[in-house]
Protein backbone atom coordinates (compact mmCIF):
# COMPACT_ATOMS: atom_id res chain seq x y z
CA UNK A 1 54.48 172.16 20.72
CA UNK A 2 55.55 168.50 20.99
CA UNK A 3 56.09 166.51 17.78
CA UNK A 4 55.39 162.81 17.33
CA UNK A 5 57.89 161.22 14.91
CA UNK A 6 56.69 157.95 13.36
CA UNK A 7 58.94 155.81 11.16
CA UNK A 8 58.08 152.43 9.65
CA UNK A 9 60.53 150.02 8.07
CA UNK A 10 60.42 146.86 6.02
CA UNK A 11 63.43 144.77 6.95
CA UNK A 12 65.64 143.39 4.14
CA UNK A 13 65.83 139.70 3.31
CA UNK A 14 63.65 136.64 3.72
CA UNK A 15 65.23 135.04 6.77
CA UNK A 16 62.86 135.49 9.73
CA UNK A 17 65.62 134.86 12.28
CA UNK A 18 67.79 137.54 10.68
CA UNK A 19 64.86 139.95 10.65
CA UNK A 20 64.19 139.22 14.33
CA UNK A 21 67.82 139.94 15.12
CA UNK A 22 67.87 143.16 13.07
CA UNK A 23 64.61 144.36 14.68
CA UNK A 24 66.00 143.69 18.16
CA UNK A 25 69.21 145.55 17.31
CA UNK A 26 67.36 148.52 15.85
CA UNK A 27 65.18 148.69 18.96
CA UNK A 28 68.15 148.50 21.34
CA UNK A 29 70.08 151.13 19.42
CA UNK A 30 67.20 153.57 19.17
CA UNK A 31 66.13 153.08 22.79
CA UNK A 32 69.77 153.74 23.72
CA UNK A 33 69.29 157.32 22.49
CA UNK A 34 67.03 158.11 25.44
CA UNK A 35 69.02 160.30 27.85
CA UNK A 36 71.74 160.77 25.22
CA UNK A 37 69.96 162.93 22.67
CA UNK A 38 68.27 165.95 24.27
CA UNK A 39 64.61 166.72 23.58
CA UNK A 40 63.30 163.13 23.44
CA UNK A 41 60.21 162.90 25.62
CA UNK A 42 59.52 159.24 24.80
CA UNK A 43 60.62 156.63 22.33
CA UNK A 44 59.23 153.19 21.55
CA UNK A 45 60.12 150.60 18.90
CA UNK A 46 57.63 147.81 18.15
CA UNK A 47 57.36 144.84 15.75
CA UNK A 48 54.33 144.41 13.53
CA UNK A 49 51.70 142.19 15.19
CA UNK A 50 49.45 141.24 12.23
CA UNK A 51 49.19 141.02 8.45
CA UNK A 52 52.93 140.56 7.84
CA UNK A 53 52.34 140.11 4.11
CA UNK A 54 51.18 143.75 3.68
CA UNK A 55 52.41 145.69 6.71
CA UNK A 56 55.77 147.16 7.55
CA UNK A 57 57.91 145.05 9.92
CA UNK A 58 58.92 147.61 12.51
CA UNK A 59 57.82 151.03 13.79
CA UNK A 60 59.41 153.80 15.81
CA UNK A 61 57.13 156.22 17.65
CA UNK A 62 58.98 159.01 19.42
CA UNK A 63 57.88 162.26 20.93
CA UNK A 64 60.18 165.30 20.84
CA UNK A 65 59.89 168.63 22.64
CA UNK A 66 59.34 170.53 19.41
CA UNK A 67 60.42 170.67 15.75
CA UNK A 68 63.79 172.12 16.77
CA UNK A 69 64.39 169.13 19.08
CA UNK A 70 63.39 166.72 16.27
CA UNK A 71 65.82 168.42 13.88
CA UNK A 72 68.60 168.22 16.51
CA UNK A 73 67.82 164.50 17.03
CA UNK A 74 68.07 163.80 13.33
CA UNK A 75 71.59 165.27 13.05
CA UNK A 76 72.90 164.18 16.43
CA UNK A 77 76.12 162.12 15.89
CA UNK A 78 74.87 159.13 17.96
CA UNK A 79 71.56 159.09 16.04
CA UNK A 80 73.53 159.30 12.77
CA UNK A 81 75.40 156.10 13.73
CA UNK A 82 72.12 154.34 14.53
CA UNK A 83 70.57 155.54 11.27
CA UNK A 84 73.53 154.13 9.30
CA UNK A 85 73.01 150.71 10.86
CA UNK A 86 69.24 150.88 10.15
CA UNK A 87 69.85 151.77 6.48
CA UNK A 88 72.06 148.66 6.23
CA UNK A 89 69.26 146.25 7.27
CA UNK A 90 66.11 147.75 5.77
CA UNK A 91 64.71 147.87 2.26
CA UNK A 92 61.88 150.36 2.69
CA UNK A 93 61.11 153.30 4.99
CA UNK A 94 58.18 155.65 5.52
CA UNK A 95 57.79 158.41 8.06
CA UNK A 96 55.51 161.17 9.23
CA UNK A 97 55.80 163.90 11.88
CA UNK A 98 52.62 165.07 13.54
CA UNK A 99 51.64 167.30 16.44
CA UNK A 100 51.63 165.28 19.63
């Protein structure tokens, strides 16, 4: 059964230009995992479109073949590098994994 992995982040800092740059970099790095990490069916990174004062800034929605593929994605060395960068530019994170 496919698993939808959803992660939301609030970007660190108050500088909108720096947040835009960090969001673009996160998106590029995560989208670069497609074809590198097995088991990813789809992956999309999007900026928040409304209510910036109460919503998270950025979301990842990815679909993985199954829970085993999601677990493999999470520990894949290339994903680990991306995750380290993300941790360096965000202040808050929330996630959920649901059946796709």
